[in-house]
Amino acid sequence: YKIAEELNIRLDFFPLPLNKSVAVSL
């Protein structure tokens, strides 16, 4: 979680019907 914070990666929890998790670049 600290790595995500340091890299300014926004992290959220919400239903993903097709995946357990996902990362995107936008």
mmCIF file of all heavy atoms, coordinates in Angstrom:
data_MODEL
# 
_entry.id   MODEL 
# 
loop_
_atom_site.group_PDB 
_atom_site.id 
_atom_site.type_symbol 
_atom_site.label_atom_id 
_atom_site.label_alt_id 
_atom_site.label_comp_id 
_atom_site.label_asym_id 
_atom_site.label_entity_id 
_atom_site.label_seq_id 
_atom_site.pdbx_PDB_ins_code 
_atom_site.Cartn_x 
_atom_site.Cartn_y 
_atom_site.Cartn_z 
_atom_site.occupancy 
_atom_site.B_iso_or_equiv 
_atom_site.pdbx_formal_charge 
_atom_site.auth_seq_id 
_atom_site.auth_comp_id 
_atom_site.auth_asym_id 
_atom_site.auth_atom_id 
_atom_site.pdbx_PDB_model_num 
ATOM 1   N N   . TYR A 1 1  ? 0.837   -1.210  0.000   1.00 0.00 ? 1  TYR A N   1 
ATOM 2   C CA  . TYR A 1 1  ? 0.000   0.000   0.000   1.00 0.00 ? 1  TYR A CA  1 
ATOM 3   C C   . TYR A 1 1  ? 0.867   1.253   0.000   1.00 0.00 ? 1  TYR A C   1 
ATOM 4   O O   . TYR A 1 1  ? 0.523   2.251   -0.633  1.00 0.00 ? 1  TYR A O   1 
ATOM 5   C CB  . TYR A 1 1  ? -0.959  0.000   1.196   1.00 0.00 ? 1  TYR A CB  1 
ATOM 6   C CG  . TYR A 1 1  ? -2.165  -0.874  0.973   1.00 0.00 ? 1  TYR A CG  1 
ATOM 7   C CD1 . TYR A 1 1  ? -2.251  -2.137  1.548   1.00 0.00 ? 1  TYR A CD1 1 
ATOM 8   C CD2 . TYR A 1 1  ? -3.210  -0.454  0.158   1.00 0.00 ? 1  TYR A CD2 1 
ATOM 9   C CE1 . TYR A 1 1  ? -3.354  -2.950  1.329   1.00 0.00 ? 1  TYR A CE1 1 
ATOM 10  C CE2 . TYR A 1 1  ? -4.321  -1.252  -0.062  1.00 0.00 ? 1  TYR A CE2 1 
ATOM 11  C CZ  . TYR A 1 1  ? -4.382  -2.501  0.524   1.00 0.00 ? 1  TYR A CZ  1 
ATOM 12  O OH  . TYR A 1 1  ? -5.479  -3.296  0.296   1.00 0.00 ? 1  TYR A OH  1 
ATOM 13  N N   . LYS A 1 2  ? 2.004   1.188   0.674   1.00 0.00 ? 2  LYS A N   1 
ATOM 14  C CA  . LYS A 1 2  ? 2.925   2.331   0.704   1.00 0.00 ? 2  LYS A CA  1 
ATOM 15  C C   . LYS A 1 2  ? 3.498   2.581   -0.696  1.00 0.00 ? 2  LYS A C   1 
ATOM 16  O O   . LYS A 1 2  ? 3.629   3.733   -1.121  1.00 0.00 ? 2  LYS A O   1 
ATOM 17  C CB  . LYS A 1 2  ? 4.047   2.061   1.707   1.00 0.00 ? 2  LYS A CB  1 
ATOM 18  C CG  . LYS A 1 2  ? 4.974   3.203   1.897   1.00 0.00 ? 2  LYS A CG  1 
ATOM 19  C CD  . LYS A 1 2  ? 4.324   4.297   2.702   1.00 0.00 ? 2  LYS A CD  1 
ATOM 20  C CE  . LYS A 1 2  ? 5.348   5.357   3.043   1.00 0.00 ? 2  LYS A CE  1 
ATOM 21  N NZ  . LYS A 1 2  ? 4.740   6.586   3.494   1.00 0.00 ? 2  LYS A NZ  1 
ATOM 22  N N   . ILE A 1 3  ? 3.821   1.520   -1.428  1.00 0.00 ? 3  ILE A N   1 
ATOM 23  C CA  . ILE A 1 3  ? 4.313   1.664   -2.803  1.00 0.00 ? 3  ILE A CA  1 
ATOM 24  C C   . ILE A 1 3  ? 3.256   2.361   -3.650  1.00 0.00 ? 3  ILE A C   1 
ATOM 25  O O   . ILE A 1 3  ? 3.562   3.290   -4.400  1.00 0.00 ? 3  ILE A O   1 
ATOM 26  C CB  . ILE A 1 3  ? 4.692   0.295   -3.407  1.00 0.00 ? 3  ILE A CB  1 
ATOM 27  C CG1 . ILE A 1 3  ? 5.957   -0.243  -2.739  1.00 0.00 ? 3  ILE A CG1 1 
ATOM 28  C CG2 . ILE A 1 3  ? 4.883   0.393   -4.918  1.00 0.00 ? 3  ILE A CG2 1 
ATOM 29  C CD1 . ILE A 1 3  ? 6.284   -1.679  -3.097  1.00 0.00 ? 3  ILE A CD1 1 
ATOM 30  N N   . ALA A 1 4  ? 2.015   1.923   -3.517  1.00 0.00 ? 4  ALA A N   1 
ATOM 31  C CA  . ALA A 1 4  ? 0.927   2.548   -4.282  1.00 0.00 ? 4  ALA A CA  1 
ATOM 32  C C   . ALA A 1 4  ? 0.821   4.024   -3.932  1.00 0.00 ? 4  ALA A C   1 
ATOM 33  O O   . ALA A 1 4  ? 0.676   4.878   -4.819  1.00 0.00 ? 4  ALA A O   1 
ATOM 34  C CB  . ALA A 1 4  ? -0.392  1.830   -4.009  1.00 0.00 ? 4  ALA A CB  1 
ATOM 35  N N   . GLU A 1 5  ? 0.908   4.328   -2.660  1.00 0.00 ? 5  GLU A N   1 
ATOM 36  C CA  . GLU A 1 5  ? 0.820   5.726   -2.216  1.00 0.00 ? 5  GLU A CA  1 
ATOM 37  C C   . GLU A 1 5  ? 1.989   6.549   -2.761  1.00 0.00 ? 5  GLU A C   1 
ATOM 38  O O   . GLU A 1 5  ? 1.799   7.657   -3.272  1.00 0.00 ? 5  GLU A O   1 
ATOM 39  C CB  . GLU A 1 5  ? 0.813   5.770   -0.692  1.00 0.00 ? 5  GLU A CB  1 
ATOM 40  C CG  . GLU A 1 5  ? 0.680   7.149   -0.107  1.00 0.00 ? 5  GLU A CG  1 
ATOM 41  C CD  . GLU A 1 5  ? 0.720   7.130   1.420   1.00 0.00 ? 5  GLU A CD  1 
ATOM 42  O OE1 . GLU A 1 5  ? 0.197   6.167   2.024   1.00 0.00 ? 5  GLU A OE1 1 
ATOM 43  O OE2 . GLU A 1 5  ? 1.286   8.067   1.995   1.00 0.00 ? 5  GLU A OE2 1 
ATOM 44  N N   . GLU A 1 6  ? 3.200   5.998   -2.671  1.00 0.00 ? 6  GLU A N   1 
ATOM 45  C CA  . GLU A 1 6  ? 4.390   6.721   -3.143  1.00 0.00 ? 6  GLU A CA  1 
ATOM 46  C C   . GLU A 1 6  ? 4.352   6.978   -4.644  1.00 0.00 ? 6  GLU A C   1 
ATOM 47  O O   . GLU A 1 6  ? 4.874   7.981   -5.122  1.00 0.00 ? 6  GLU A O   1 
ATOM 48  C CB  . GLU A 1 6  ? 5.653   5.948   -2.775  1.00 0.00 ? 6  GLU A CB  1 
ATOM 49  C CG  . GLU A 1 6  ? 5.954   5.970   -1.290  1.00 0.00 ? 6  GLU A CG  1 
ATOM 50  C CD  . GLU A 1 6  ? 7.043   4.990   -0.888  1.00 0.00 ? 6  GLU A CD  1 
ATOM 51  O OE1 . GLU A 1 6  ? 7.522   4.203   -1.740  1.00 0.00 ? 6  GLU A OE1 1 
ATOM 52  O OE2 . GLU A 1 6  ? 7.412   5.005   0.305   1.00 0.00 ? 6  GLU A OE2 1 
ATOM 53  N N   . LEU A 1 7  ? 3.742   6.051   -5.382  1.00 0.00 ? 7  LEU A N   1 
ATOM 54  C CA  . LEU A 1 7  ? 3.636   6.209   -6.834  1.00 0.00 ? 7  LEU A CA  1 
ATOM 55  C C   . LEU A 1 7  ? 2.387   6.974   -7.245  1.00 0.00 ? 7  LEU A C   1 
ATOM 56  O O   . LEU A 1 7  ? 2.093   7.102   -8.429  1.00 0.00 ? 7  LEU A O   1 
ATOM 57  C CB  . LEU A 1 7  ? 3.653   4.831   -7.513  1.00 0.00 ? 7  LEU A CB  1 
ATOM 58  C CG  . LEU A 1 7  ? 4.951   4.046   -7.365  1.00 0.00 ? 7  LEU A CG  1 
ATOM 59  C CD1 . LEU A 1 7  ? 4.796   2.645   -7.937  1.00 0.00 ? 7  LEU A CD1 1 
ATOM 60  C CD2 . LEU A 1 7  ? 6.102   4.786   -8.028  1.00 0.00 ? 7  LEU A CD2 1 
ATOM 61  N N   . ASN A 1 8  ? 1.644   7.448   -6.244  1.00 0.00 ? 8  ASN A N   1 
ATOM 62  C CA  . ASN A 1 8  ? 0.427   8.213   -6.490  1.00 0.00 ? 8  ASN A CA  1 
ATOM 63  C C   . ASN A 1 8  ? -0.594  7.410   -7.305  1.00 0.00 ? 8  ASN A C   1 
ATOM 64  O O   . ASN A 1 8  ? -1.252  7.928   -8.198  1.00 0.00 ? 8  ASN A O   1 
ATOM 65  C CB  . ASN A 1 8  ? 0.752   9.545   -7.177  1.00 0.00 ? 8  ASN A CB  1 
ATOM 66  C CG  . ASN A 1 8  ? -0.374  10.544  -7.015  1.00 0.00 ? 8  ASN A CG  1 
ATOM 67  O OD1 . ASN A 1 8  ? -1.123  10.496  -6.046  1.00 0.00 ? 8  ASN A OD1 1 
ATOM 68  N ND2 . ASN A 1 8  ? -0.492  11.452  -7.974  1.00 0.00 ? 8  ASN A ND2 1 
ATOM 69  N N   . ILE A 1 9  ? -0.683  6.128   -6.976  1.00 0.00 ? 9  ILE A N   1 
ATOM 70  C CA  . ILE A 1 9  ? -1.650  5.245   -7.624  1.00 0.00 ? 9  ILE A CA  1 
ATOM 71  C C   . ILE A 1 9  ? -2.937  5.294   -6.825  1.00 0.00 ? 9  ILE A C   1 
ATOM 72  O O   . ILE A 1 9  ? -2.941  5.055   -5.615  1.00 0.00 ? 9  ILE A O   1 
ATOM 73  C CB  . ILE A 1 9  ? -1.125  3.792   -7.685  1.00 0.00 ? 9  ILE A CB  1 
ATOM 74  C CG1 . ILE A 1 9  ? 0.136   3.725   -8.533  1.00 0.00 ? 9  ILE A CG1 1 
ATOM 75  C CG2 . ILE A 1 9  ? -2.209  2.859   -8.226  1.00 0.00 ? 9  ILE A CG2 1 
ATOM 76  C CD1 . ILE A 1 9  ? 0.848   2.391   -8.470  1.00 0.00 ? 9  ILE A CD1 1 
ATOM 77  N N   . ARG A 1 10 ? -4.013  5.609   -7.482  1.00 0.00 ? 10 ARG A N   1 
ATOM 78  C CA  . ARG A 1 10 ? -5.311  5.631   -6.803  1.00 0.00 ? 10 ARG A CA  1 
ATOM 79  C C   . ARG A 1 10 ? -5.803  4.198   -6.672  1.00 0.00 ? 10 ARG A C   1 
ATOM 80  O O   . ARG A 1 10 ? -5.847  3.452   -7.651  1.00 0.00 ? 10 ARG A O   1 
ATOM 81  C CB  . ARG A 1 10 ? -6.310  6.464   -7.575  1.00 0.00 ? 10 ARG A CB  1 
ATOM 82  C CG  . ARG A 1 10 ? -7.639  6.453   -6.867  1.00 0.00 ? 10 ARG A CG  1 
ATOM 83  C CD  . ARG A 1 10 ? -8.512  7.563   -7.229  1.00 0.00 ? 10 ARG A CD  1 
ATOM 84  N NE  . ARG A 1 10 ? -9.753  7.390   -6.477  1.00 0.00 ? 10 ARG A NE  1 
ATOM 85  C CZ  . ARG A 1 10 ? -10.807 8.096   -6.685  1.00 0.00 ? 10 ARG A CZ  1 
ATOM 86  N NH1 . ARG A 1 10 ? -10.803 9.037   -7.593  1.00 0.00 ? 10 ARG A NH1 1 
ATOM 87  N NH2 . ARG A 1 10 ? -11.888 7.882   -5.981  1.00 0.00 ? 10 ARG A NH2 1 
ATOM 88  N N   . LEU A 1 11 ? -6.194  3.826   -5.481  1.00 0.00 ? 11 LEU A N   1 
ATOM 89  C CA  . LEU A 1 11 ? -6.637  2.472   -5.198  1.00 0.00 ? 11 LEU A CA  1 
ATOM 90  C C   . LEU A 1 11 ? -8.041  2.507   -4.643  1.00 0.00 ? 11 LEU A C   1 
ATOM 91  O O   . LEU A 1 11 ? -8.322  3.275   -3.713  1.00 0.00 ? 11 LEU A O   1 
ATOM 92  C CB  . LEU A 1 11 ? -5.687  1.834   -4.174  1.00 0.00 ? 11 LEU A CB  1 
ATOM 93  C CG  . LEU A 1 11 ? -5.938  0.364   -3.959  1.00 0.00 ? 11 LEU A CG  1 
ATOM 94  C CD1 . LEU A 1 11 ? -4.886  -0.440  -4.686  1.00 0.00 ? 11 LEU A CD1 1 
ATOM 95  C CD2 . LEU A 1 11 ? -5.941  0.058   -2.501  1.00 0.00 ? 11 LEU A CD2 1 
ATOM 96  N N   . ASP A 1 12 ? -8.928  1.715   -5.226  1.00 0.00 ? 12 ASP A N   1 
ATOM 97  C CA  . ASP A 1 12 ? -10.321 1.667   -4.771  1.00 0.00 ? 12 ASP A CA  1 
ATOM 98  C C   . ASP A 1 12 ? -10.792 0.224   -4.701  1.00 0.00 ? 12 ASP A C   1 
ATOM 99  O O   . ASP A 1 12 ? -10.224 -0.665  -5.339  1.00 0.00 ? 12 ASP A O   1 
ATOM 100 C CB  . ASP A 1 12 ? -11.240 2.419   -5.740  1.00 0.00 ? 12 ASP A CB  1 
ATOM 101 C CG  . ASP A 1 12 ? -11.135 3.927   -5.582  1.00 0.00 ? 12 ASP A CG  1 
ATOM 102 O OD1 . ASP A 1 12 ? -11.223 4.399   -4.442  1.00 0.00 ? 12 ASP A OD1 1 
ATOM 103 O OD2 . ASP A 1 12 ? -10.959 4.608   -6.602  1.00 0.00 ? 12 ASP A OD2 1 
ATOM 104 N N   . PHE A 1 13 ? -11.838 0.017   -3.931  1.00 0.00 ? 13 PHE A N   1 
ATOM 105 C CA  . PHE A 1 13 ? -12.498 -1.282  -3.825  1.00 0.00 ? 13 PHE A CA  1 
ATOM 106 C C   . PHE A 1 13 ? -13.903 -1.127  -4.372  1.00 0.00 ? 13 PHE A C   1 
ATOM 107 O O   . PHE A 1 13 ? -14.664 -0.287  -3.892  1.00 0.00 ? 13 PHE A O   1 
ATOM 108 C CB  . PHE A 1 13 ? -12.579 -1.728  -2.355  1.00 0.00 ? 13 PHE A CB  1 
ATOM 109 C CG  . PHE A 1 13 ? -11.251 -2.096  -1.769  1.00 0.00 ? 13 PHE A CG  1 
ATOM 110 C CD1 . PHE A 1 13 ? -10.412 -1.124  -1.251  1.00 0.00 ? 13 PHE A CD1 1 
ATOM 111 C CD2 . PHE A 1 13 ? -10.845 -3.418  -1.745  1.00 0.00 ? 13 PHE A CD2 1 
ATOM 112 C CE1 . PHE A 1 13 ? -9.186  -1.455  -0.705  1.00 0.00 ? 13 PHE A CE1 1 
ATOM 113 C CE2 . PHE A 1 13 ? -9.613  -3.766  -1.206  1.00 0.00 ? 13 PHE A CE2 1 
ATOM 114 C CZ  . PHE A 1 13 ? -8.785  -2.780  -0.685  1.00 0.00 ? 13 PHE A CZ  1 
ATOM 115 N N   . PHE A 1 14 ? -14.237 -1.909  -5.393  1.00 0.00 ? 14 PHE A N   1 
ATOM 116 C CA  . PHE A 1 14 ? -15.607 -1.930  -5.886  1.00 0.00 ? 14 PHE A CA  1 
ATOM 117 C C   . PHE A 1 14 ? -15.819 -3.176  -6.734  1.00 0.00 ? 14 PHE A C   1 
ATOM 118 O O   . PHE A 1 14 ? -14.857 -3.806  -7.169  1.00 0.00 ? 14 PHE A O   1 
ATOM 119 C CB  . PHE A 1 14 ? -15.991 -0.652  -6.642  1.00 0.00 ? 14 PHE A CB  1 
ATOM 120 C CG  . PHE A 1 14 ? -15.096 -0.279  -7.788  1.00 0.00 ? 14 PHE A CG  1 
ATOM 121 C CD1 . PHE A 1 14 ? -15.253 -0.837  -9.043  1.00 0.00 ? 14 PHE A CD1 1 
ATOM 122 C CD2 . PHE A 1 14 ? -14.093 0.671   -7.613  1.00 0.00 ? 14 PHE A CD2 1 
ATOM 123 C CE1 . PHE A 1 14 ? -14.437 -0.473  -10.095 1.00 0.00 ? 14 PHE A CE1 1 
ATOM 124 C CE2 . PHE A 1 14 ? -13.278 1.046   -8.658  1.00 0.00 ? 14 PHE A CE2 1 
ATOM 125 C CZ  . PHE A 1 14 ? -13.454 0.465   -9.899  1.00 0.00 ? 14 PHE A CZ  1 
ATOM 126 N N   . PRO A 1 15 ? -17.068 -3.573  -6.957  1.00 0.00 ? 15 PRO A N   1 
ATOM 127 C CA  . PRO A 1 15 ? -17.352 -4.798  -7.701  1.00 0.00 ? 15 PRO A CA  1 
ATOM 128 C C   . PRO A 1 15 ? -16.793 -4.754  -9.125  1.00 0.00 ? 15 PRO A C   1 
ATOM 129 O O   . PRO A 1 15 ? -16.926 -3.762  -9.830  1.00 0.00 ? 15 PRO A O   1 
ATOM 130 C CB  . PRO A 1 15 ? -18.882 -4.857  -7.726  1.00 0.00 ? 15 PRO A CB  1 
ATOM 131 C CG  . PRO A 1 15 ? -19.306 -4.024  -6.573  1.00 0.00 ? 15 PRO A CG  1 
ATOM 132 C CD  . PRO A 1 15 ? -18.283 -2.937  -6.449  1.00 0.00 ? 15 PRO A CD  1 
ATOM 133 N N   . LEU A 1 16 ? -16.154 -5.850  -9.487  1.00 0.00 ? 16 LEU A N   1 
ATOM 134 C CA  . LEU A 1 16 ? -15.634 -6.036  -10.844 1.00 0.00 ? 16 LEU A CA  1 
ATOM 135 C C   . LEU A 1 16 ? -16.207 -7.353  -11.346 1.00 0.00 ? 16 LEU A C   1 
ATOM 136 O O   . LEU A 1 16 ? -15.715 -8.416  -10.982 1.00 0.00 ? 16 LEU A O   1 
ATOM 137 C CB  . LEU A 1 16 ? -14.098 -6.092  -10.831 1.00 0.00 ? 16 LEU A CB  1 
ATOM 138 C CG  . LEU A 1 16 ? -13.396 -4.834  -10.343 1.00 0.00 ? 16 LEU A CG  1 
ATOM 139 C CD1 . LEU A 1 16 ? -11.937 -5.125  -10.036 1.00 0.00 ? 16 LEU A CD1 1 
ATOM 140 C CD2 . LEU A 1 16 ? -13.504 -3.737  -11.376 1.00 0.00 ? 16 LEU A CD2 1 
ATOM 141 N N   . PRO A 1 17 ? -17.231 -7.309  -12.166 1.00 0.00 ? 17 PRO A N   1 
ATOM 142 C CA  . PRO A 1 17 ? -17.926 -8.536  -12.558 1.00 0.00 ? 17 PRO A CA  1 
ATOM 143 C C   . PRO A 1 17 ? -17.052 -9.579  -13.254 1.00 0.00 ? 17 PRO A C   1 
ATOM 144 O O   . PRO A 1 17 ? -17.305 -10.769 -13.148 1.00 0.00 ? 17 PRO A O   1 
ATOM 145 C CB  . PRO A 1 17 ? -19.021 -8.058  -13.508 1.00 0.00 ? 17 PRO A CB  1 
ATOM 146 C CG  . PRO A 1 17 ? -19.059 -6.590  -13.401 1.00 0.00 ? 17 PRO A CG  1 
ATOM 147 C CD  . PRO A 1 17 ? -17.811 -6.128  -12.746 1.00 0.00 ? 17 PRO A CD  1 
ATOM 148 N N   . LEU A 1 18 ? -15.997 -9.151  -13.936 1.00 0.00 ? 18 LEU A N   1 
ATOM 149 C CA  . LEU A 1 18 ? -15.203 -10.099 -14.711 1.00 0.00 ? 18 LEU A CA  1 
ATOM 150 C C   . LEU A 1 18 ? -13.817 -10.378 -14.132 1.00 0.00 ? 18 LEU A C   1 
ATOM 151 O O   . LEU A 1 18 ? -13.109 -11.254 -14.622 1.00 0.00 ? 18 LEU A O   1 
ATOM 152 C CB  . LEU A 1 18 ? -15.042 -9.593  -16.149 1.00 0.00 ? 18 LEU A CB  1 
ATOM 153 C CG  . LEU A 1 18 ? -16.347 -9.335  -16.902 1.00 0.00 ? 18 LEU A CG  1 
ATOM 154 C CD1 . LEU A 1 18 ? -16.057 -8.749  -18.275 1.00 0.00 ? 18 LEU A CD1 1 
ATOM 155 C CD2 . LEU A 1 18 ? -17.145 -10.627 -17.027 1.00 0.00 ? 18 LEU A CD2 1 
ATOM 156 N N   . ASN A 1 19 ? -13.409 -9.645  -13.105 1.00 0.00 ? 19 ASN A N   1 
ATOM 157 C CA  . ASN A 1 19 ? -12.058 -9.776  -12.560 1.00 0.00 ? 19 ASN A CA  1 
ATOM 158 C C   . ASN A 1 19 ? -12.053 -9.658  -11.048 1.00 0.00 ? 19 ASN A C   1 
ATOM 159 O O   . ASN A 1 19 ? -12.962 -9.100  -10.461 1.00 0.00 ? 19 ASN A O   1 
ATOM 160 C CB  . ASN A 1 19 ? -11.150 -8.650  -13.108 1.00 0.00 ? 19 ASN A CB  1 
ATOM 161 C CG  . ASN A 1 19 ? -11.032 -8.693  -14.601 1.00 0.00 ? 19 ASN A CG  1 
ATOM 162 O OD1 . ASN A 1 19 ? -10.595 -9.682  -15.152 1.00 0.00 ? 19 ASN A OD1 1 
ATOM 163 N ND2 . ASN A 1 19 ? -11.429 -7.622  -15.260 1.00 0.00 ? 19 ASN A ND2 1 
ATOM 164 N N   . LYS A 1 20 ? -10.962 -10.155 -10.441 1.00 0.00 ? 20 LYS A N   1 
ATOM 165 C CA  . LYS A 1 20 ? -10.753 -9.946  -9.002  1.00 0.00 ? 20 LYS A CA  1 
ATOM 166 C C   . LYS A 1 20 ? -10.168 -8.562  -8.765  1.00 0.00 ? 20 LYS A C   1 
ATOM 167 O O   . LYS A 1 20 ? -10.407 -7.933  -7.750  1.00 0.00 ? 20 LYS A O   1 
ATOM 168 C CB  . LYS A 1 20 ? -9.777  -10.983 -8.457  1.00 0.00 ? 20 LYS A CB  1 
ATOM 169 C CG  . LYS A 1 20 ? -10.314 -12.371 -8.404  1.00 0.00 ? 20 LYS A CG  1 
ATOM 170 C CD  . LYS A 1 20 ? -9.256  -13.305 -7.881  1.00 0.00 ? 20 LYS A CD  1 
ATOM 171 C CE  . LYS A 1 20 ? -9.083  -14.362 -8.915  1.00 0.00 ? 20 LYS A CE  1 
ATOM 172 N NZ  . LYS A 1 20 ? -8.047  -15.239 -8.893  1.00 0.00 ? 20 LYS A NZ  1 
ATOM 173 N N   . SER A 1 21 ? -9.369  -8.142  -9.738  1.00 0.00 ? 21 SER A N   1 
ATOM 174 C CA  . SER A 1 21 ? -8.674  -6.867  -9.613  1.00 0.00 ? 21 SER A CA  1 
ATOM 175 C C   . SER A 1 21 ? -8.270  -6.398  -11.004 1.00 0.00 ? 21 SER A C   1 
ATOM 176 O O   . SER A 1 21 ? -8.241  -7.173  -11.951 1.00 0.00 ? 21 SER A O   1 
ATOM 177 C CB  . SER A 1 21 ? -7.433  -7.020  -8.727  1.00 0.00 ? 21 SER A CB  1 
ATOM 178 O OG  . SER A 1 21 ? -6.562  -8.004  -9.249  1.00 0.00 ? 21 SER A OG  1 
ATOM 179 N N   . VAL A 1 22 ? -7.948  -5.106  -11.086 1.00 0.00 ? 22 VAL A N   1 
ATOM 180 C CA  . VAL A 1 22 ? -7.560  -4.542  -12.382 1.00 0.00 ? 22 VAL A CA  1 
ATOM 181 C C   . VAL A 1 22 ? -6.687  -3.311  -12.139 1.00 0.00 ? 22 VAL A C   1 
ATOM 182 O O   . VAL A 1 22 ? -6.863  -2.606  -11.146 1.00 0.00 ? 22 VAL A O   1 
ATOM 183 C CB  . VAL A 1 22 ? -8.809  -4.185  -13.231 1.00 0.00 ? 22 VAL A CB  1 
ATOM 184 C CG1 . VAL A 1 22 ? -9.616  -3.085  -12.606 1.00 0.00 ? 22 VAL A CG1 1 
ATOM 185 C CG2 . VAL A 1 22 ? -8.434  -3.846  -14.648 1.00 0.00 ? 22 VAL A CG2 1 
ATOM 186 N N   . ALA A 1 23 ? -5.744  -3.110  -13.046 1.00 0.00 ? 23 ALA A N   1 
ATOM 187 C CA  . ALA A 1 23 ? -4.925  -1.899  -13.035 1.00 0.00 ? 23 ALA A CA  1 
ATOM 188 C C   . ALA A 1 23 ? -5.056  -1.252  -14.407 1.00 0.00 ? 23 ALA A C   1 
ATOM 189 O O   . ALA A 1 23 ? -5.077  -1.944  -15.429 1.00 0.00 ? 23 ALA A O   1 
ATOM 190 C CB  . ALA A 1 23 ? -3.468  -2.228  -12.744 1.00 0.00 ? 23 ALA A CB  1 
ATOM 191 N N   . VAL A 1 24 ? -5.171  0.055   -14.420 1.00 0.00 ? 24 VAL A N   1 
ATOM 192 C CA  . VAL A 1 24 ? -5.258  0.782   -15.687 1.00 0.00 ? 24 VAL A CA  1 
ATOM 193 C C   . VAL A 1 24 ? -4.349  1.994   -15.637 1.00 0.00 ? 24 VAL A C   1 
ATOM 194 O O   . VAL A 1 24 ? -4.069  2.555   -14.578 1.00 0.00 ? 24 VAL A O   1 
ATOM 195 C CB  . VAL A 1 24 ? -6.701  1.219   -16.030 1.00 0.00 ? 24 VAL A CB  1 
ATOM 196 C CG1 . VAL A 1 24 ? -7.607  0.022   -16.246 1.00 0.00 ? 24 VAL A CG1 1 
ATOM 197 C CG2 . VAL A 1 24 ? -7.265  2.125   -14.963 1.00 0.00 ? 24 VAL A CG2 1 
ATOM 198 N N   . SER A 1 25 ? -3.919  2.383   -16.814 1.00 0.00 ? 25 SER A N   1 
ATOM 199 C CA  . SER A 1 25 ? -3.138  3.600   -16.989 1.00 0.00 ? 25 SER A CA  1 
ATOM 200 C C   . SER A 1 25 ? -4.006  4.555   -17.791 1.00 0.00 ? 25 SER A C   1 
ATOM 201 O O   . SER A 1 25 ? -4.479  4.221   -18.876 1.00 0.00 ? 25 SER A O   1 
ATOM 202 C CB  . SER A 1 25 ? -1.851  3.279   -17.751 1.00 0.00 ? 25 SER A CB  1 
ATOM 203 O OG  . SER A 1 25 ? -1.135  4.455   -18.030 1.00 0.00 ? 25 SER A OG  1 
ATOM 204 N N   . LEU A 1 26 ? -4.209  5.752   -17.237 1.00 0.00 ? 26 LEU A N   1 
ATOM 205 C CA  . LEU A 1 26 ? -5.072  6.720   -17.894 1.00 0.00 ? 26 LEU A CA  1 
ATOM 206 C C   . LEU A 1 26 ? -4.516  8.123   -17.654 1.00 0.00 ? 26 LEU A C   1 
ATOM 207 O O   . LEU A 1 26 ? -4.330  8.534   -16.501 1.00 0.00 ? 26 LEU A O   1 
ATOM 208 C CB  . LEU A 1 26 ? -6.490  6.610   -17.332 1.00 0.00 ? 26 LEU A CB  1 
ATOM 209 C CG  . LEU A 1 26 ? -7.571  7.478   -17.930 1.00 0.00 ? 26 LEU A CG  1 
ATOM 210 C CD1 . LEU A 1 26 ? -7.799  7.117   -19.397 1.00 0.00 ? 26 LEU A CD1 1 
ATOM 211 C CD2 . LEU A 1 26 ? -8.869  7.308   -17.157 1.00 0.00 ? 26 LEU A CD2 1 
# 
